[in-house]
Amino acid sequence: MSLKGSSLVLKKGTSAGGTTIAAARTISLNLNGETVDVTSADDVNRWRQLLPGAGTKSMSVSFSGVLKDVATHNQLILDWNAQTADAYGVVIGTLGTWDGNFIVTNVEQSGEYNGELQFTVSLESASEPTYAAVA
């Protein structure tokens, strides 16, 4: 099974009840887990030993496309300027949703003379996001 990129949606608020910012032309989710290395000279053949359950987890969301309207643009700029954690949701077609508090860390705007204004927005998790698979 494959999904179309147009089935990826970024929302302000929750994925179920939030306001759609836009259907993405490109959206990227990056789940990261840092590890804690506890290797010592006493470990067999000095193979790396990792401490289970330790480290830092994070989620990054990068959205590229055309924003829904002027109000959406203005809200993203205000969120970026405030640098506060706000609720955002990501809908991944028929696979599932991610909801959590994110900080807008980057807003890029570009456009051609006779084309639409393009946006790239980056969000970083500010707490633990939740994933809900579609049943």
N, C-alpha and C. Protein backbone atom coordinates (compact mmCIF):
# COMPACT_ATOMS: atom_id res chain seq x y z
N MET A 1 0.84 -1.17 0.00
CA MET A 1 0.00 0.00 0.00
C MET A 1 0.88 1.23 0.00
N SER A 2 0.53 2.20 -0.78
CA SER A 2 1.24 3.48 -0.73
C SER A 2 0.21 4.59 -0.60
N LEU A 3 0.67 5.71 -0.07
CA LEU A 3 -0.20 6.86 0.13
C LEU A 3 0.29 8.02 -0.71
N LYS A 4 -0.62 8.86 -1.13
CA LYS A 4 -0.24 10.08 -1.83
C LYS A 4 0.24 11.11 -0.83
N GLY A 5 1.16 11.93 -1.24
CA GLY A 5 1.65 13.01 -0.38
C GLY A 5 0.55 13.96 0.04
N SER A 6 -0.50 14.07 -0.76
CA SER A 6 -1.59 14.97 -0.43
C SER A 6 -2.39 14.49 0.77
N SER A 7 -2.14 13.26 1.23
CA SER A 7 -2.86 12.75 2.39
C SER A 7 -2.18 13.17 3.69
N LEU A 8 -1.11 13.95 3.60
CA LEU A 8 -0.41 14.47 4.78
C LEU A 8 -0.90 15.89 5.05
N VAL A 9 -1.40 16.10 6.27
CA VAL A 9 -2.00 17.39 6.61
C VAL A 9 -1.42 17.88 7.94
N LEU A 10 -1.08 19.16 8.02
CA LEU A 10 -0.61 19.80 9.25
C LEU A 10 -1.73 20.67 9.79
N LYS A 11 -2.04 20.49 11.09
CA LYS A 11 -3.13 21.24 11.71
C LYS A 11 -2.65 21.99 12.94
N LYS A 12 -3.22 23.14 13.17
CA LYS A 12 -2.99 23.89 14.40
C LYS A 12 -4.05 23.40 15.37
N GLY A 13 -3.65 22.90 16.52
CA GLY A 13 -4.56 22.26 17.45
C GLY A 13 -4.36 20.75 17.34
N THR A 14 -5.41 19.98 17.48
CA THR A 14 -5.29 18.53 17.40
C THR A 14 -5.55 18.05 15.98
N SER A 15 -5.09 16.84 15.70
CA SER A 15 -5.30 16.28 14.36
C SER A 15 -6.78 16.02 14.10
N ALA A 16 -7.56 15.79 15.14
CA ALA A 16 -8.98 15.50 14.96
C ALA A 16 -9.82 16.78 14.91
N GLY A 17 -9.47 17.78 15.70
CA GLY A 17 -10.33 18.96 15.78
C GLY A 17 -9.65 20.27 15.49
N GLY A 18 -8.42 20.24 15.05
CA GLY A 18 -7.69 21.48 14.80
C GLY A 18 -8.05 22.13 13.48
N THR A 19 -7.43 23.27 13.24
CA THR A 19 -7.63 24.02 12.01
C THR A 19 -6.56 23.60 11.01
N THR A 20 -6.97 23.20 9.82
CA THR A 20 -6.02 22.80 8.79
C THR A 20 -5.19 23.99 8.35
N ILE A 21 -3.87 23.83 8.43
CA ILE A 21 -2.97 24.86 7.94
C ILE A 21 -2.82 24.68 6.43
N ALA A 22 -2.59 23.44 6.02
CA ALA A 22 -2.50 23.15 4.59
C ALA A 22 -2.33 21.67 4.37
N ALA A 23 -2.71 21.23 3.19
CA ALA A 23 -2.33 19.91 2.74
C ALA A 23 -0.93 20.09 2.17
N ALA A 24 -0.04 19.27 2.60
CA ALA A 24 1.36 19.48 2.30
C ALA A 24 1.73 19.01 0.90
N ARG A 25 2.65 19.73 0.31
CA ARG A 25 3.31 19.21 -0.89
C ARG A 25 4.42 18.28 -0.42
N THR A 26 5.06 18.66 0.68
CA THR A 26 6.09 17.83 1.29
C THR A 26 5.99 17.98 2.80
N ILE A 27 5.97 16.87 3.50
CA ILE A 27 6.03 16.91 4.96
C ILE A 27 6.98 15.81 5.40
N SER A 28 7.80 16.12 6.36
CA SER A 28 8.79 15.17 6.83
C SER A 28 8.71 15.08 8.35
N LEU A 29 8.66 13.85 8.86
CA LEU A 29 8.68 13.60 10.30
C LEU A 29 9.98 12.92 10.63
N ASN A 30 10.64 13.38 11.67
CA ASN A 30 11.89 12.78 12.09
C ASN A 30 11.77 12.46 13.58
N LEU A 31 11.79 11.17 13.90
CA LEU A 31 11.78 10.72 15.29
C LEU A 31 13.22 10.39 15.66
N ASN A 32 13.70 11.00 16.73
CA ASN A 32 15.10 10.84 17.10
C ASN A 32 15.20 10.37 18.54
N GLY A 33 16.08 9.44 18.78
CA GLY A 33 16.35 8.99 20.14
C GLY A 33 17.85 8.96 20.37
N GLU A 34 18.32 9.84 21.24
CA GLU A 34 19.74 9.84 21.59
C GLU A 34 20.00 8.71 22.57
N THR A 35 21.20 8.18 22.53
CA THR A 35 21.56 7.08 23.42
C THR A 35 22.55 7.54 24.47
N VAL A 36 22.63 6.77 25.55
CA VAL A 36 23.63 7.02 26.59
C VAL A 36 24.59 5.84 26.59
N ASP A 37 25.83 6.12 26.26
CA ASP A 37 26.88 5.11 26.17
C ASP A 37 27.49 4.89 27.56
N VAL A 38 27.43 3.64 28.05
CA VAL A 38 28.00 3.32 29.38
C VAL A 38 29.13 2.29 29.25
N THR A 39 29.76 2.25 28.09
CA THR A 39 30.84 1.30 27.84
C THR A 39 32.04 1.59 28.73
N SER A 40 32.63 0.53 29.24
CA SER A 40 33.84 0.68 30.06
C SER A 40 34.89 -0.32 29.58
N ALA A 41 36.07 -0.22 30.11
CA ALA A 41 37.16 -1.12 29.74
C ALA A 41 36.86 -2.56 30.16
N ASP A 42 35.93 -2.75 31.08
CA ASP A 42 35.58 -4.09 31.56
C ASP A 42 34.61 -4.83 30.64
N ASP A 43 34.02 -4.15 29.66
CA ASP A 43 33.05 -4.80 28.78
C ASP A 43 33.75 -5.75 27.82
N VAL A 44 33.10 -6.90 27.55
CA VAL A 44 33.67 -7.95 26.72
C VAL A 44 34.05 -7.39 25.36
N ASN A 45 35.32 -7.52 25.03
CA ASN A 45 35.87 -7.06 23.75
C ASN A 45 35.57 -5.59 23.47
N ARG A 46 35.27 -4.87 24.52
CA ARG A 46 35.00 -3.43 24.45
C ARG A 46 33.85 -3.08 23.51
N TRP A 47 32.88 -3.98 23.41
CA TRP A 47 31.68 -3.68 22.63
C TRP A 47 30.88 -2.62 23.36
N ARG A 48 30.35 -1.73 22.61
CA ARG A 48 29.57 -0.63 23.18
C ARG A 48 28.39 -1.17 23.97
N GLN A 49 28.15 -0.55 25.13
CA GLN A 49 27.01 -0.87 25.97
C GLN A 49 26.14 0.39 26.08
N LEU A 50 24.84 0.25 25.81
CA LEU A 50 23.92 1.38 25.90
C LEU A 50 23.01 1.19 27.10
N LEU A 51 22.69 2.29 27.75
CA LEU A 51 21.81 2.26 28.92
C LEU A 51 20.36 2.31 28.43
N PRO A 52 19.62 1.20 28.57
CA PRO A 52 18.24 1.17 28.10
C PRO A 52 17.37 2.20 28.84
N GLY A 53 16.48 2.84 28.10
CA GLY A 53 15.54 3.78 28.70
C GLY A 53 16.11 5.14 29.01
N ALA A 54 17.38 5.35 28.74
CA ALA A 54 18.00 6.65 29.01
C ALA A 54 18.09 7.45 27.71
N GLY A 55 18.54 8.66 27.79
CA GLY A 55 18.69 9.48 26.59
C GLY A 55 17.50 10.39 26.37
N THR A 56 17.56 11.13 25.30
CA THR A 56 16.53 12.12 24.98
C THR A 56 15.85 11.74 23.68
N LYS A 57 14.51 11.84 23.68
CA LYS A 57 13.74 11.60 22.46
C LYS A 57 13.24 12.94 21.95
N SER A 58 13.10 13.06 20.63
CA SER A 58 12.56 14.28 20.05
C SER A 58 11.87 13.96 18.73
N MET A 59 11.02 14.88 18.31
CA MET A 59 10.34 14.75 17.03
C MET A 59 10.44 16.08 16.30
N SER A 60 10.79 16.03 15.04
CA SER A 60 10.86 17.21 14.19
C SER A 60 9.86 17.04 13.05
N VAL A 61 9.18 18.12 12.69
CA VAL A 61 8.24 18.12 11.58
C VAL A 61 8.64 19.25 10.65
N SER A 62 8.78 18.95 9.38
CA SER A 62 9.07 19.98 8.39
C SER A 62 7.99 19.91 7.32
N PHE A 63 7.36 21.03 7.06
CA PHE A 63 6.25 21.13 6.13
C PHE A 63 6.62 22.08 5.00
N SER A 64 6.37 21.68 3.78
CA SER A 64 6.56 22.57 2.63
C SER A 64 5.30 22.54 1.78
N GLY A 65 4.89 23.69 1.33
CA GLY A 65 3.72 23.75 0.47
C GLY A 65 3.14 25.14 0.42
N VAL A 66 1.85 25.19 0.17
CA VAL A 66 1.12 26.45 0.07
C VAL A 66 0.19 26.53 1.26
N LEU A 67 0.28 27.63 2.00
CA LEU A 67 -0.58 27.77 3.17
C LEU A 67 -2.01 28.04 2.76
N LYS A 68 -2.92 27.73 3.67
CA LYS A 68 -4.34 27.82 3.39
C LYS A 68 -4.82 29.24 3.13
N ASP A 69 -4.36 30.21 3.94
CA ASP A 69 -4.84 31.59 3.81
C ASP A 69 -3.92 32.55 4.56
N VAL A 70 -4.24 33.83 4.50
CA VAL A 70 -3.44 34.87 5.15
C VAL A 70 -3.44 34.69 6.66
N ALA A 71 -4.57 34.30 7.24
CA ALA A 71 -4.66 34.11 8.68
C ALA A 71 -3.69 33.02 9.16
N THR A 72 -3.56 31.95 8.37
CA THR A 72 -2.62 30.87 8.69
C THR A 72 -1.19 31.40 8.68
N HIS A 73 -0.86 32.16 7.66
CA HIS A 73 0.47 32.77 7.58
C HIS A 73 0.75 33.61 8.81
N ASN A 74 -0.18 34.48 9.14
CA ASN A 74 0.01 35.37 10.28
C ASN A 74 0.16 34.60 11.58
N GLN A 75 -0.62 33.53 11.77
CA GLN A 75 -0.54 32.74 13.00
C GLN A 75 0.82 32.05 13.11
N LEU A 76 1.33 31.52 12.00
CA LEU A 76 2.65 30.87 12.04
C LEU A 76 3.75 31.87 12.38
N ILE A 77 3.67 33.07 11.83
CA ILE A 77 4.67 34.10 12.14
C ILE A 77 4.58 34.48 13.61
N LEU A 78 3.37 34.64 14.14
CA LEU A 78 3.19 34.95 15.55
C LEU A 78 3.73 33.83 16.44
N ASP A 79 3.46 32.58 16.07
CA ASP A 79 3.96 31.43 16.84
C ASP A 79 5.49 31.38 16.81
N TRP A 80 6.07 31.65 15.65
CA TRP A 80 7.53 31.65 15.55
C TRP A 80 8.11 32.75 16.44
N ASN A 81 7.53 33.93 16.39
CA ASN A 81 8.03 35.06 17.16
C ASN A 81 7.89 34.82 18.66
N ALA A 82 6.80 34.22 19.09
CA ALA A 82 6.55 33.99 20.51
C ALA A 82 7.44 32.88 21.08
N GLN A 83 7.83 31.91 20.24
CA GLN A 83 8.63 30.77 20.66
C GLN A 83 8.00 30.03 21.84
N THR A 84 6.69 29.92 21.82
CA THR A 84 5.97 29.16 22.84
C THR A 84 5.52 27.83 22.25
N ALA A 85 5.30 26.86 23.12
CA ALA A 85 4.84 25.55 22.68
C ALA A 85 3.34 25.59 22.47
N ASP A 86 2.92 25.26 21.26
CA ASP A 86 1.50 25.24 20.91
C ASP A 86 1.14 23.86 20.37
N ALA A 87 -0.15 23.54 20.46
CA ALA A 87 -0.63 22.24 19.98
C ALA A 87 -0.68 22.21 18.45
N TYR A 88 -0.12 21.15 17.88
CA TYR A 88 -0.18 20.89 16.45
C TYR A 88 -0.48 19.41 16.24
N GLY A 89 -1.12 19.11 15.14
CA GLY A 89 -1.42 17.73 14.78
C GLY A 89 -0.99 17.45 13.36
N VAL A 90 -0.55 16.23 13.13
CA VAL A 90 -0.16 15.78 11.79
C VAL A 90 -1.00 14.57 11.45
N VAL A 91 -1.69 14.64 10.33
CA VAL A 91 -2.52 13.54 9.85
C VAL A 91 -1.74 12.84 8.74
N ILE A 92 -1.55 11.53 8.90
CA ILE A 92 -0.81 10.75 7.91
C ILE A 92 -1.80 9.82 7.22
N GLY A 93 -2.61 10.41 6.36
CA GLY A 93 -3.58 9.65 5.59
C GLY A 93 -4.38 8.66 6.40
N THR A 94 -4.39 7.42 5.95
CA THR A 94 -5.12 6.36 6.63
C THR A 94 -4.24 5.56 7.58
N LEU A 95 -3.03 6.05 7.85
CA LEU A 95 -2.12 5.34 8.75
C LEU A 95 -2.29 5.74 10.21
N GLY A 96 -2.33 7.05 10.48
CA GLY A 96 -2.44 7.50 11.87
C GLY A 96 -2.23 8.99 12.01
N THR A 97 -2.15 9.42 13.25
CA THR A 97 -1.97 10.83 13.57
C THR A 97 -0.94 11.01 14.67
N TRP A 98 -0.30 12.17 14.66
CA TRP A 98 0.59 12.61 15.73
C TRP A 98 0.02 13.90 16.29
N ASP A 99 -0.04 14.02 17.61
CA ASP A 99 -0.49 15.23 18.27
C ASP A 99 0.49 15.57 19.38
N GLY A 100 0.75 16.86 19.55
CA GLY A 100 1.64 17.27 20.63
C GLY A 100 1.88 18.76 20.64
N ASN A 101 2.70 19.17 21.58
CA ASN A 101 3.10 20.57 21.69
C ASN A 101 4.42 20.75 20.95
N PHE A 102 4.44 21.74 20.06
CA PHE A 102 5.61 21.99 19.23
C PHE A 102 5.94 23.48 19.24
N ILE A 103 7.20 23.78 19.01
CA ILE A 103 7.65 25.15 18.84
C ILE A 103 8.01 25.35 17.38
N VAL A 104 7.51 26.43 16.78
CA VAL A 104 7.86 26.77 15.40
C VAL A 104 9.28 27.32 15.42
N THR A 105 10.21 26.62 14.80
CA THR A 105 11.62 27.01 14.85
C THR A 105 12.11 27.67 13.57
N ASN A 106 11.36 27.50 12.47
CA ASN A 106 11.82 28.05 11.21
C ASN A 106 10.63 28.31 10.29
N VAL A 107 10.63 29.46 9.65
CA VAL A 107 9.62 29.78 8.63
C VAL A 107 10.38 30.37 7.44
N GLU A 108 10.25 29.74 6.28
CA GLU A 108 10.85 30.25 5.06
C GLU A 108 9.75 30.54 4.06
N GLN A 109 9.92 31.61 3.30
CA GLN A 109 8.94 31.98 2.28
C GLN A 109 9.69 32.22 0.97
N SER A 110 9.09 31.75 -0.11
CA SER A 110 9.70 31.98 -1.42
C SER A 110 8.59 31.98 -2.47
N GLY A 111 8.88 32.56 -3.60
CA GLY A 111 7.89 32.57 -4.67
C GLY A 111 8.48 33.12 -5.95
N GLU A 112 7.87 32.73 -7.04
CA GLU A 112 8.25 33.25 -8.34
C GLU A 112 7.27 34.34 -8.74
N TYR A 113 7.68 35.17 -9.63
CA TYR A 113 6.88 36.34 -10.05
C TYR A 113 5.45 35.96 -10.41
N ASN A 114 5.26 34.94 -11.20
CA ASN A 114 3.93 34.54 -11.65
C ASN A 114 3.43 33.27 -10.96
N GLY A 115 3.96 32.95 -9.79
CA GLY A 115 3.57 31.72 -9.09
C GLY A 115 3.06 32.00 -7.69
N GLU A 116 2.66 30.95 -7.03
CA GLU A 116 2.15 31.08 -5.68
C GLU A 116 3.30 31.21 -4.68
N LEU A 117 2.98 31.76 -3.52
CA LEU A 117 3.94 31.89 -2.44
C LEU A 117 4.11 30.54 -1.76
N GLN A 118 5.33 30.08 -1.68
CA GLN A 118 5.66 28.79 -1.07
C GLN A 118 6.17 29.01 0.36
N PHE A 119 5.88 28.04 1.23
CA PHE A 119 6.33 28.11 2.61
C PHE A 119 7.02 26.82 3.01
N THR A 120 8.00 26.95 3.87
CA THR A 120 8.58 25.83 4.58
C THR A 120 8.55 26.20 6.05
N VAL A 121 7.98 25.32 6.86
CA VAL A 121 7.85 25.55 8.29
C VAL A 121 8.44 24.36 9.02
N SER A 122 9.26 24.61 10.05
CA SER A 122 9.83 23.55 10.86
C SER A 122 9.32 23.66 12.29
N LEU A 123 8.96 22.50 12.85
CA LEU A 123 8.46 22.42 14.22
C LEU A 123 9.31 21.42 15.00
N GLU A 124 9.56 21.71 16.26
CA GLU A 124 10.29 20.80 17.15
C GLU A 124 9.42 20.48 18.35
N SER A 125 9.40 19.21 18.74
CA SER A 125 8.57 18.81 19.87
C SER A 125 9.04 19.49 21.15
N ALA A 126 8.05 19.92 21.96
CA ALA A 126 8.34 20.57 23.23
C ALA A 126 7.92 19.68 24.40
N SER A 127 7.32 18.54 24.09
CA SER A 127 6.94 17.55 25.08
C SER A 127 6.69 16.25 24.32
N GLU A 128 6.22 15.24 25.00
CA GLU A 128 6.01 13.95 24.34
C GLU A 128 4.78 13.99 23.43
N PRO A 129 4.96 13.77 22.13
CA PRO A 129 3.80 13.70 21.24
C PRO A 129 3.14 12.33 21.35
N THR A 130 1.89 12.25 20.96
CA THR A 130 1.18 10.96 20.99
C THR A 130 0.85 10.53 19.57
N TYR A 131 0.97 9.24 19.35
CA TYR A 131 0.65 8.65 18.05
C TYR A 131 -0.61 7.80 18.20
N ALA A 132 -1.52 7.94 17.27
CA ALA A 132 -2.72 7.12 17.25
C ALA A 132 -2.83 6.48 15.87
N ALA A 133 -2.74 5.15 15.83
CA ALA A 133 -2.90 4.44 14.57
C ALA A 133 -4.36 4.40 14.19
N VAL A 134 -4.63 4.45 12.90
CA VAL A 134 -6.00 4.33 12.43
C VAL A 134 -6.38 2.86 12.48
N ALA A 135 -7.49 2.58 13.11
CA ALA A 135 -7.92 1.18 13.28
C ALA A 135 -8.55 0.63 12.03
